[in-house]
Amino acid sequence: MTDQTFSMHGKHVAITGASSGFGAHFATLLAAAGARVALGARRLDKISEQVAGINADGGQALGLALDVRDAQSARAFLQDAATAFGPIDVLINNAGVESGAKTYAMIDEEDWDFVMDTNLKAAWRLSKYYTEQVLASQQGGGNIINIASITAYRTIKGQFPYAVSKAALIKVTEVMALEAAKFGIRVNALAPGYILTDVSRVLLESAGSDEFRKGIPMRRYGEFADLDGPILLLASDASCYMTGSTLVVDGGHICAEM
């Protein structure tokens, strides 16, 4: 096994929700590994500095406007990325939101729709459009990575409907993998544990944070770098015989709940 196995040279990766958090980190990492990266976000000014930094370091990056809840915007994002950098080899459905620390009885329909449309429906829609693009371009196959969460497996209060959307995303991954195999498209998911992002900030910076951390066998929250190996595995040809899988990266947190 060599570094070449995990190389991204010659590959084009499109990433949704790339203005911050996981998406921004993945863009920089994959570009450094040799990929051409198309970053999608609702506001171009939010990704302009990220794109400029990648290009200044010798990478190839492009920022594109993207509202994942808008069908026309989603289709345009994929088309514009392919026009600029060629056929998309990897689509990373990373865009995600949450509704705050609310229970099922506290949220309203607007909360529900906002989270489910962003975290779940958008991943399906973009994957559908991407599949159509793969078939139309006759590129011979593709790769979809859905960014899930260990909240799909852990049941705690105040994460509804975020946890529901992420649990559903894992099932979406499995069904899409089964149905997309005939097109040469692999579909896998990455389920990070608790890592400080805009989505997890409310919990990880709360008064009970230290006690919560003690429930993780490795006794620490994750860092972005902890996801480098797993995302490179899923995005590269190193995972060419993987589909329908979910990689959990959580410091053993799920094991502690069993």
C-alpha atoms as a PDB file:
ATOM      1  CA  MET A   1       0.000   0.000   0.000  1.00  0.00           C
ATOM      2  CA  THR A   2       1.463   3.343  -1.047  1.00  0.00           C
ATOM      3  CA  ASP A   3       0.433   6.979  -0.953  1.00  0.00           C
ATOM      4  CA  GLN A   4      -0.512   6.610  -4.620  1.00  0.00           C
ATOM      5  CA  THR A   5      -3.429   4.409  -3.567  1.00  0.00           C
ATOM      6  CA  PHE A   6      -5.040   7.403  -1.893  1.00  0.00           C
ATOM      7  CA  SER A   7      -4.029   9.914  -4.550  1.00  0.00           C
ATOM      8  CA  MET A   8      -6.647  12.316  -5.880  1.00  0.00           C
ATOM      9  CA  HIS A   9      -4.568  13.450  -8.874  1.00  0.00           C
ATOM     10  CA  GLY A  10      -6.706  13.908 -11.948  1.00  0.00           C
ATOM     11  CA  LYS A  11      -9.977  13.712 -10.033  1.00  0.00           C
ATOM     12  CA  HIS A  12     -12.678  16.360  -9.865  1.00  0.00           C
ATOM     13  CA  VAL A  13     -14.541  16.688  -6.561  1.00  0.00           C
ATOM     14  CA  ALA A  14     -17.680  18.771  -6.038  1.00  0.00           C
ATOM     15  CA  ILE A  15     -18.480  19.663  -2.426  1.00  0.00           C
ATOM     16  CA  THR A  16     -21.704  21.176  -1.086  1.00  0.00           C
ATOM     17  CA  GLY A  17     -21.796  23.311   2.045  1.00  0.00           C
ATOM     18  CA  ALA A  18     -18.152  24.201   1.501  1.00  0.00           C
ATOM     19  CA  SER A  19     -18.075  27.629   3.148  1.00  0.00           C
ATOM     20  CA  SER A  20     -17.033  26.351   6.587  1.00  0.00           C
ATOM     21  CA  GLY A  21     -16.648  23.301   8.797  1.00  0.00           C
ATOM     22  CA  PHE A  22     -16.186  19.902   7.206  1.00  0.00           C
ATOM     23  CA  GLY A  23     -16.779  21.143   3.671  1.00  0.00           C
ATOM     24  CA  ALA A  24     -14.057  23.775   3.795  1.00  0.00           C
ATOM     25  CA  HIS A  25     -11.635  21.326   5.390  1.00  0.00           C
ATOM     26  CA  PHE A  26     -12.349  18.602   2.836  1.00  0.00           C
ATOM     27  CA  ALA A  27     -11.822  21.057  -0.032  1.00  0.00           C
ATOM     28  CA  THR A  28      -8.365  22.047   1.192  1.00  0.00           C
ATOM     29  CA  LEU A  29      -7.354  18.457   1.969  1.00  0.00           C
ATOM     30  CA  LEU A  30      -8.500  16.989  -1.341  1.00  0.00           C
ATOM     31  CA  ALA A  31      -6.962  19.816  -3.337  1.00  0.00           C
ATOM     32  CA  ALA A  32      -3.651  19.197  -1.565  1.00  0.00           C
ATOM     33  CA  ALA A  33      -3.986  15.530  -2.557  1.00  0.00           C
ATOM     34  CA  GLY A  34      -4.234  16.573  -6.209  1.00  0.00           C
ATOM     35  CA  ALA A  35      -7.951  16.980  -6.882  1.00  0.00           C
ATOM     36  CA  ARG A  36      -9.672  19.797  -8.699  1.00  0.00           C
ATOM     37  CA  VAL A  37     -12.329  20.993  -6.259  1.00  0.00           C
ATOM     38  CA  ALA A  38     -15.589  22.846  -6.894  1.00  0.00           C
ATOM     39  CA  LEU A  39     -16.867  24.469  -3.719  1.00  0.00           C
ATOM     40  CA  GLY A  40     -20.579  25.219  -3.442  1.00  0.00           C
ATOM     41  CA  ALA A  41     -22.152  27.647  -0.977  1.00  0.00           C
ATOM     42  CA  ARG A  42     -25.094  30.032  -0.890  1.00  0.00           C
ATOM     43  CA  ARG A  43     -22.793  33.067  -0.732  1.00  0.00           C
ATOM     44  CA  LEU A  44     -19.742  33.275  -2.943  1.00  0.00           C
ATOM     45  CA  ASP A  45     -18.054  35.744  -0.623  1.00  0.00           C
ATOM     46  CA  LYS A  46     -18.007  33.038   2.044  1.00  0.00           C
ATOM     47  CA  ILE A  47     -15.835  30.744  -0.087  1.00  0.00           C
ATOM     48  CA  SER A  48     -13.789  33.268  -2.062  1.00  0.00           C
ATOM     49  CA  GLU A  49     -10.955  33.332   0.485  1.00  0.00           C
ATOM     50  CA  GLN A  50     -10.918  29.531   0.675  1.00  0.00           C
ATOM     51  CA  VAL A  51     -10.748  29.235  -3.110  1.00  0.00           C
ATOM     52  CA  ALA A  52      -8.017  31.873  -3.347  1.00  0.00           C
ATOM     53  CA  GLY A  53      -5.961  30.091  -0.696  1.00  0.00           C
ATOM     54  CA  ILE A  54      -6.161  26.732  -2.451  1.00  0.00           C
ATOM     55  CA  ASN A  55      -5.177  28.254  -5.780  1.00  0.00           C
ATOM     56  CA  ALA A  56      -2.333  30.217  -4.199  1.00  0.00           C
ATOM     57  CA  ASP A  57      -0.953  26.965  -2.792  1.00  0.00           C
ATOM     58  CA  GLY A  58      -0.855  25.435  -6.260  1.00  0.00           C
ATOM     59  CA  GLY A  59      -4.198  23.676  -6.176  1.00  0.00           C
ATOM     60  CA  GLN A  60      -7.181  24.059  -8.471  1.00  0.00           C
ATOM     61  CA  ALA A  61     -10.381  25.363  -6.911  1.00  0.00           C
ATOM     62  CA  LEU A  62     -13.537  27.044  -8.089  1.00  0.00           C
ATOM     63  CA  GLY A  63     -16.286  28.692  -6.036  1.00  0.00           C
ATOM     64  CA  LEU A  64     -19.872  28.387  -7.221  1.00  0.00           C
ATOM     65  CA  ALA A  65     -23.146  29.701  -5.833  1.00  0.00           C
ATOM     66  CA  LEU A  66     -25.320  26.899  -4.500  1.00  0.00           C
ATOM     67  CA  ASP A  67     -28.561  26.751  -2.563  1.00  0.00           C
ATOM     68  CA  VAL A  68     -29.027  23.022  -2.031  1.00  0.00           C
ATOM     69  CA  ARG A  69     -32.735  23.496  -1.319  1.00  0.00           C
ATOM     70  CA  ASP A  70     -33.303  24.977  -4.774  1.00  0.00           C
ATOM     71  CA  ALA A  71     -33.512  22.473  -7.636  1.00  0.00           C
ATOM     72  CA  GLN A  72     -32.391  24.906 -10.320  1.00  0.00           C
ATOM     73  CA  SER A  73     -29.414  26.021  -8.245  1.00  0.00           C
ATOM     74  CA  ALA A  74     -28.397  22.410  -7.579  1.00  0.00           C
ATOM     75  CA  ARG A  75     -28.487  21.487 -11.249  1.00  0.00           C
ATOM     76  CA  ALA A  76     -26.587  24.644 -12.250  1.00  0.00           C
ATOM     77  CA  PHE A  77     -23.900  23.923  -9.651  1.00  0.00           C
ATOM     78  CA  LEU A  78     -23.166  20.495 -11.100  1.00  0.00           C
ATOM     79  CA  GLN A  79     -23.280  21.723 -14.684  1.00  0.00           C
ATOM     80  CA  ASP A  80     -21.013  24.709 -14.034  1.00  0.00           C
ATOM     81  CA  ALA A  81     -18.525  22.555 -12.128  1.00  0.00           C
ATOM     82  CA  ALA A  82     -18.377  20.045 -14.976  1.00  0.00           C
ATOM     83  CA  THR A  83     -17.967  22.810 -17.550  1.00  0.00           C
ATOM     84  CA  ALA A  84     -15.042  24.292 -15.646  1.00  0.00           C
ATOM     85  CA  PHE A  85     -13.195  21.173 -14.492  1.00  0.00           C
ATOM     86  CA  GLY A  86     -14.567  18.309 -16.577  1.00  0.00           C
ATOM     87  CA  PRO A  87     -16.713  15.364 -15.447  1.00  0.00           C
ATOM     88  CA  ILE A  88     -17.227  15.161 -11.697  1.00  0.00           C
ATOM     89  CA  ASP A  89     -15.581  12.079 -10.213  1.00  0.00           C
ATOM     90  CA  VAL A  90     -16.763  12.586  -6.647  1.00  0.00           C
ATOM     91  CA  LEU A  91     -19.804  14.360  -5.206  1.00  0.00           C
ATOM     92  CA  ILE A  92     -19.665  15.091  -1.483  1.00  0.00           C
ATOM     93  CA  ASN A  93     -23.095  15.876  -0.033  1.00  0.00           C
ATOM     94  CA  ASN A  94     -21.877  17.820   2.967  1.00  0.00           C
ATOM     95  CA  ALA A  95     -24.398  20.652   3.397  1.00  0.00           C
ATOM     96  CA  GLY A  96     -26.144  20.362   6.742  1.00  0.00           C
ATOM     97  CA  VAL A  97     -28.058  22.413   9.295  1.00  0.00           C
ATOM     98  CA  GLU A  98     -29.788  21.902  12.621  1.00  0.00           C
ATOM     99  CA  SER A  99     -32.656  23.634  14.380  1.00  0.00           C
ATOM    100  CA  GLY A 100     -31.009  24.206  17.751  1.00  0.00           C
ATOM    101  CA  ALA A 101     -31.433  22.238  20.969  1.00  0.00           C
ATOM    102  CA  LYS A 102     -35.103  21.422  20.415  1.00  0.00           C
ATOM    103  CA  THR A 103     -37.237  18.352  21.062  1.00  0.00           C
ATOM    104  CA  TYR A 104     -39.899  17.013  18.705  1.00  0.00           C
ATOM    105  CA  ALA A 105     -42.523  18.889  20.739  1.00  0.00           C
ATOM    106  CA  MET A 106     -40.662  22.194  20.445  1.00  0.00           C
ATOM    107  CA  ILE A 107     -40.013  22.396  16.720  1.00  0.00           C
ATOM    108  CA  ASP A 108     -42.552  23.641  14.205  1.00  0.00           C
ATOM    109  CA  GLU A 109     -43.084  22.677  10.577  1.00  0.00           C
ATOM    110  CA  GLU A 110     -40.703  25.358   9.392  1.00  0.00           C
ATOM    111  CA  ASP A 111     -37.910  23.881  11.547  1.00  0.00           C
ATOM    112  CA  TRP A 112     -38.662  20.390  10.279  1.00  0.00           C
ATOM    113  CA  ASP A 113     -38.747  21.372   6.611  1.00  0.00           C
ATOM    114  CA  PHE A 114     -35.588  23.492   6.869  1.00  0.00           C
ATOM    115  CA  VAL A 115     -33.537  20.638   8.347  1.00  0.00           C
ATOM    116  CA  MET A 116     -34.979  17.788   6.299  1.00  0.00           C
ATOM    117  CA  ASP A 117     -34.850  19.711   3.011  1.00  0.00           C
ATOM    118  CA  THR A 118     -31.202  20.658   3.590  1.00  0.00           C
ATOM    119  CA  ASN A 119     -29.825  17.483   5.144  1.00  0.00           C
ATOM    120  CA  LEU A 120     -31.848  14.827   3.354  1.00  0.00           C
ATOM    121  CA  LYS A 121     -33.843  15.977   0.340  1.00  0.00           C
ATOM    122  CA  ALA A 122     -30.925  17.988  -1.045  1.00  0.00           C
ATOM    123  CA  ALA A 123     -28.601  14.974  -0.837  1.00  0.00           C
ATOM    124  CA  TRP A 124     -31.098  12.895  -2.816  1.00  0.00           C
ATOM    125  CA  ARG A 125     -31.693  15.646  -5.389  1.00  0.00           C
ATOM    126  CA  LEU A 126     -28.006  16.342  -6.002  1.00  0.00           C
ATOM    127  CA  SER A 127     -27.278  12.620  -6.214  1.00  0.00           C
ATOM    128  CA  LYS A 128     -30.065  12.192  -8.759  1.00  0.00           C
ATOM    129  CA  TYR A 129     -28.778  15.052 -10.903  1.00  0.00           C
ATOM    130  CA  TYR A 130     -25.222  13.791 -10.557  1.00  0.00           C
ATOM    131  CA  THR A 131     -26.254  10.309 -11.697  1.00  0.00           C
ATOM    132  CA  GLU A 132     -27.958  11.806 -14.734  1.00  0.00           C
ATOM    133  CA  GLN A 133     -24.772  13.739 -15.477  1.00  0.00           C
ATOM    134  CA  VAL A 134     -22.584  10.634 -15.138  1.00  0.00           C
ATOM    135  CA  LEU A 135     -24.770   8.721 -17.580  1.00  0.00           C
ATOM    136  CA  ALA A 136     -25.009  11.596 -20.063  1.00  0.00           C
ATOM    137  CA  SER A 137     -21.231  12.129 -20.101  1.00  0.00           C
ATOM    138  CA  GLN A 138     -20.537   8.397 -20.406  1.00  0.00           C
ATOM    139  CA  GLN A 139     -17.671   8.816 -17.961  1.00  0.00           C
ATOM    140  CA  GLY A 140     -17.971   5.226 -16.831  1.00  0.00           C
ATOM    141  CA  GLY A 141     -18.877   5.692 -13.185  1.00  0.00           C
ATOM    142  CA  GLY A 142     -18.856   7.989 -10.214  1.00  0.00           C
ATOM    143  CA  ASN A 143     -18.599   8.307  -6.466  1.00  0.00           C
ATOM    144  CA  ILE A 144     -21.042   9.836  -3.971  1.00  0.00           C
ATOM    145  CA  ILE A 145     -20.125  10.503  -0.349  1.00  0.00           C
ATOM    146  CA  ASN A 146     -22.845  11.527   2.090  1.00  0.00           C
ATOM    147  CA  ILE A 147     -21.770  13.231   5.300  1.00  0.00           C
ATOM    148  CA  ALA A 148     -23.870  11.747   8.071  1.00  0.00           C
ATOM    149  CA  SER A 149     -23.291  11.873  11.849  1.00  0.00           C
ATOM    150  CA  ILE A 150     -23.121   9.570  14.866  1.00  0.00           C
ATOM    151  CA  THR A 151     -26.355  11.227  15.980  1.00  0.00           C
ATOM    152  CA  ALA A 152     -27.870   8.729  13.550  1.00  0.00           C
ATOM    153  CA  TYR A 153     -26.930   6.017  16.060  1.00  0.00           C
ATOM    154  CA  ARG A 154     -27.030   7.791  19.434  1.00  0.00           C
ATOM    155  CA  THR A 155     -30.346   8.768  20.995  1.00  0.00           C
ATOM    156  CA  ILE A 156     -30.181  11.891  23.119  1.00  0.00           C
ATOM    157  CA  LYS A 157     -32.639  14.703  23.720  1.00  0.00           C
ATOM    158  CA  GLY A 158     -32.672  17.953  21.805  1.00  0.00           C
ATOM    159  CA  GLN A 159     -31.379  16.752  18.428  1.00  0.00           C
ATOM    160  CA  PHE A 160     -34.681  16.371  16.629  1.00  0.00           C
ATOM    161  CA  PRO A 161     -34.976  16.536  13.598  1.00  0.00           C
ATOM    162  CA  TYR A 162     -31.199  16.693  12.935  1.00  0.00           C
ATOM    163  CA  ALA A 163     -30.629  13.144  14.193  1.00  0.00           C
ATOM    164  CA  VAL A 164     -33.619  11.902  12.214  1.00  0.00           C
ATOM    165  CA  SER A 165     -32.268  13.416   8.998  1.00  0.00           C
ATOM    166  CA  LYS A 166     -28.835  11.867   9.525  1.00  0.00           C
ATOM    167  CA  ALA A 167     -30.263   8.431  10.317  1.00  0.00           C
ATOM    168  CA  ALA A 168     -32.337   8.633   7.149  1.00  0.00           C
ATOM    169  CA  LEU A 169     -29.256   9.717   5.191  1.00  0.00           C
ATOM    170  CA  ILE A 170     -27.507   6.495   6.140  1.00  0.00           C
ATOM    171  CA  LYS A 171     -30.444   4.459   4.839  1.00  0.00           C
ATOM    172  CA  VAL A 172     -30.452   6.644   1.702  1.00  0.00           C
ATOM    173  CA  THR A 173     -26.779   5.759   1.267  1.00  0.00           C
ATOM    174  CA  GLU A 174     -27.490   2.043   1.465  1.00  0.00           C
ATOM    175  CA  VAL A 175     -30.441   2.081  -0.936  1.00  0.00           C
ATOM    176  CA  MET A 176     -28.701   4.366  -3.418  1.00  0.00           C
ATOM    177  CA  ALA A 177     -25.619   2.124  -3.337  1.00  0.00           C
ATOM    178  CA  LEU A 178     -27.788  -0.846  -4.257  1.00  0.00           C
ATOM    179  CA  GLU A 179     -29.514   1.006  -7.077  1.00  0.00           C
ATOM    180  CA  ALA A 180     -26.487   2.909  -8.423  1.00  0.00           C
ATOM    181  CA  ALA A 181     -24.130  -0.044  -8.721  1.00  0.00           C
ATOM    182  CA  LYS A 182     -25.393  -0.822 -12.215  1.00  0.00           C
ATOM    183  CA  PHE A 183     -24.289   2.655 -13.270  1.00  0.00           C
ATOM    184  CA  GLY A 184     -20.795   2.167 -11.877  1.00  0.00           C
ATOM    185  CA  ILE A 185     -21.506   4.695  -9.112  1.00  0.00           C
ATOM    186  CA  ARG A 186     -20.376   3.969  -5.567  1.00  0.00           C
ATOM    187  CA  VAL A 187     -22.241   5.506  -2.632  1.00  0.00           C
ATOM    188  CA  ASN A 188     -20.803   5.611   0.885  1.00  0.00           C
ATOM    189  CA  ALA A 189     -21.205   7.744   3.988  1.00  0.00           C
ATOM    190  CA  LEU A 190     -18.943   9.263   6.603  1.00  0.00           C
ATOM    191  CA  ALA A 191     -20.354   9.632  10.107  1.00  0.00           C
ATOM    192  CA  PRO A 192     -18.172  11.927  12.221  1.00  0.00           C
ATOM    193  CA  GLY A 193     -18.415  11.971  15.982  1.00  0.00           C
ATOM    194  CA  TYR A 194     -18.476  15.177  17.995  1.00  0.00           C
ATOM    195  CA  ILE A 195     -16.165  17.704  16.364  1.00  0.00           C
ATOM    196  CA  LEU A 196     -16.468  21.443  16.989  1.00  0.00           C
ATOM    197  CA  THR A 197     -18.330  23.015  14.076  1.00  0.00           C
ATOM    198  CA  ASP A 198     -21.066  25.618  13.762  1.00  0.00           C
ATOM    199  CA  VAL A 199     -23.614  22.787  14.025  1.00  0.00           C
ATOM    200  CA  SER A 200     -22.159  21.186  17.188  1.00  0.00           C
ATOM    201  CA  ARG A 201     -21.065  24.379  18.941  1.00  0.00           C
ATOM    202  CA  VAL A 202     -24.188  24.650  21.128  1.00  0.00           C
ATOM    203  CA  LEU A 203     -23.504  21.256  22.705  1.00  0.00           C
ATOM    204  CA  LEU A 204     -19.710  21.204  22.818  1.00  0.00           C
ATOM    205  CA  GLU A 205     -19.419  24.655  24.374  1.00  0.00           C
ATOM    206  CA  SER A 206     -22.220  24.123  26.899  1.00  0.00           C
ATOM    207  CA  ALA A 207     -21.834  23.869  30.676  1.00  0.00           C
ATOM    208  CA  GLY A 208     -22.065  20.080  30.494  1.00  0.00           C
ATOM    209  CA  SER A 209     -19.376  19.707  27.866  1.00  0.00           C
ATOM    210  CA  ASP A 210     -16.713  18.217  30.165  1.00  0.00           C
ATOM    211  CA  GLU A 211     -19.091  15.574  31.484  1.00  0.00           C
ATOM    212  CA  PHE A 212     -20.251  14.741  27.982  1.00  0.00           C
ATOM    213  CA  ARG A 213     -16.650  14.295  26.818  1.00  0.00           C
ATOM    214  CA  LYS A 214     -16.054  11.694  29.543  1.00  0.00           C
ATOM    215  CA  GLY A 215     -18.569   9.464  27.778  1.00  0.00           C
ATOM    216  CA  ILE A 216     -16.223   9.162  24.799  1.00  0.00           C
ATOM    217  CA  PRO A 217     -13.817   6.211  25.309  1.00  0.00           C
ATOM    218  CA  MET A 218     -10.888   8.200  23.876  1.00  0.00           C
ATOM    219  CA  ARG A 219     -11.766  11.059  26.274  1.00  0.00           C
ATOM    220  CA  ARG A 220     -11.608  13.825  23.696  1.00  0.00           C
ATOM    221  CA  TYR A 221     -13.659  15.457  20.992  1.00  0.00           C
ATOM    222  CA  GLY A 222     -12.578  14.872  17.444  1.00  0.00           C
ATOM    223  CA  GLU A 223     -10.563  17.255  15.300  1.00  0.00           C
ATOM    224  CA  PHE A 224     -10.899  17.927  11.584  1.00  0.00           C
ATOM    225  CA  ALA A 225      -7.605  16.102  10.971  1.00  0.00           C
ATOM    226  CA  ASP A 226      -9.174  12.911  12.367  1.00  0.00           C
ATOM    227  CA  LEU A 227     -11.337  12.795   9.235  1.00  0.00           C
ATOM    228  CA  ASP A 228      -8.469  13.154   6.743  1.00  0.00           C
ATOM    229  CA  GLY A 229      -7.737   9.459   6.325  1.00  0.00           C
ATOM    230  CA  PRO A 230     -11.394   8.373   6.138  1.00  0.00           C
ATOM    231  CA  ILE A 231     -12.413  10.993   3.563  1.00  0.00           C
ATOM    232  CA  LEU A 232      -9.343  10.231   1.435  1.00  0.00           C
ATOM    233  CA  LEU A 233     -10.224   6.543   1.593  1.00  0.00           C
ATOM    234  CA  LEU A 234     -13.802   7.128   0.420  1.00  0.00           C
ATOM    235  CA  ALA A 235     -12.917   9.715  -2.238  1.00  0.00           C
ATOM    236  CA  SER A 236      -9.979   7.846  -3.768  1.00  0.00           C
ATOM    237  CA  ASP A 237      -9.662   4.569  -5.627  1.00  0.00           C
ATOM    238  CA  ALA A 238      -8.523   2.968  -2.368  1.00  0.00           C
ATOM    239  CA  SER A 239     -12.218   2.281  -1.703  1.00  0.00           C
ATOM    240  CA  CYS A 240     -13.004   0.991  -5.220  1.00  0.00           C
ATOM    241  CA  TYR A 241     -14.731  -2.127  -3.805  1.00  0.00           C
ATOM    242  CA  MET A 242     -16.687  -0.242  -1.146  1.00  0.00           C
ATOM    243  CA  THR A 243     -20.291   0.835  -1.584  1.00  0.00           C
ATOM    244  CA  GLY A 244     -23.179   1.116   0.837  1.00  0.00           C
ATOM    245  CA  SER A 245     -20.780   1.514   3.760  1.00  0.00           C
ATOM    246  CA  THR A 246     -20.766   4.085   6.544  1.00  0.00           C
ATOM    247  CA  LEU A 247     -17.431   4.925   8.182  1.00  0.00           C
ATOM    248  CA  VAL A 248     -17.911   6.017  11.788  1.00  0.00           C
ATOM    249  CA  VAL A 249     -15.142   8.227  13.208  1.00  0.00           C
ATOM    250  CA  ASP A 250     -16.097   8.995  16.794  1.00  0.00           C
ATOM    251  CA  GLY A 251     -13.395   7.947  19.262  1.00  0.00           C
ATOM    252  CA  GLY A 252     -15.443   4.878  20.218  1.00  0.00           C
ATOM    253  CA  HIS A 253     -18.491   6.887  21.299  1.00  0.00           C
ATOM    254  CA  ILE A 254     -21.005   4.514  19.749  1.00  0.00           C
ATOM    255  CA  CYS A 255     -19.334   1.515  21.433  1.00  0.00           C
ATOM    256  CA  ALA A 256     -19.806   3.165  24.811  1.00  0.00           C
ATOM    257  CA  GLU A 257     -23.552   3.384  24.210  1.00  0.00           C
ATOM    258  CA  MET A 258     -23.998  -0.297  23.333  1.00  0.00           C
END
